[in-house]
Amino acid sequence: MDELETKLKQGLDDAAGKQTSSNSIGVLIKAFHVLEAMAELNDPAPLREIAKASELPKGTVYRVLQTLSALGYASQVSESGAYFLTSKLSQLGRNAHNEDIKTRLQGPMKRLHETFNETINLGILDAPYVNYVAVIQAKRALSWSVPAGTRDLFYCTALGRAIAAHLPEDQRNALIEQTTLTSRTPKTVMSREALRIILDEVRATGVSIDIEENDDGVVCIGAPVFLDDHVVASVSVSVPASRYTPELGEDIAKQLKEQELRLRTTDMG
């Protein structure tokens, strides 16, 4: 939450005419009381309800809401004037969560990289895409990689399939039905029924694969990452098709399964 704290402190300092550091911290604490109250209320709420839930004077809550709105973290329903939190706040939480996952998986990703000297990817689902949040590039002249921050459609990547296959059944079915299948290469899966069969197999084996379905000349093998009992990410190894063999694929799958890809909430930062 460092980014939010910094922006709130700057905005509230300006609104209060450059208060002393002690006063600014006090205002910041009140701002977080307002944020927590709005999160608990969940639905858009009028000023009086937010003030009651936060146990703060309406005048104070009003000033905090004006600052939050100016920063893009809160907004109002035009008809009623009720306030609600925007997705910008949720994005901060997701970013922090992603950073925790990246930190915890540095070891397994480095070990895979040292073992195979191929590109190692960490992906997180942002339906219908999978985002590459970390990449360790192969140290070879012939290799494949994309920059961290790139995203691909989930259904034709090992990263995306590893996650989608382990979603709860209703979420998995909804994801399949709501996604338009488009061809990335001549080998891309283009049938929802075929995709369901692929995901069932991934769920059964714990390993996903795409053979030139997302990029010509590239084979990727992936495995899911769990936080407690919920899939939250995936790790994959990308190999040029010219270097790929079924034996190498089996070795990669074995090594993926042996990595510490099951995280616990108690271990997170």
Foldseek 3Di string as FASTA:
>chain_A
DVVVLVQLLVLVCVVVVNDDPVVSVVLSVLLVLLVVQQVVVVDFAALVSSCVSSVHDSVSSVVSQVSCVVVPQKDADVPPRTIHGDCVVVVVVVVLVVVLLCVVCPVLQVVLCVVPLAKKFKWFDPPQKIFGQDIDHRPDPDYDDDDHGDIDGLQQAQFSLQQLLLAPPVVSVVRLVPDQDDFQDPQADHDSVVSNVQSPVCNVLQKHWHDCRNHPQKIKMKGFAEEARHTGIMMITIDGPVPDDVVVVVVSSVSRVVDNRYHYPVPTD
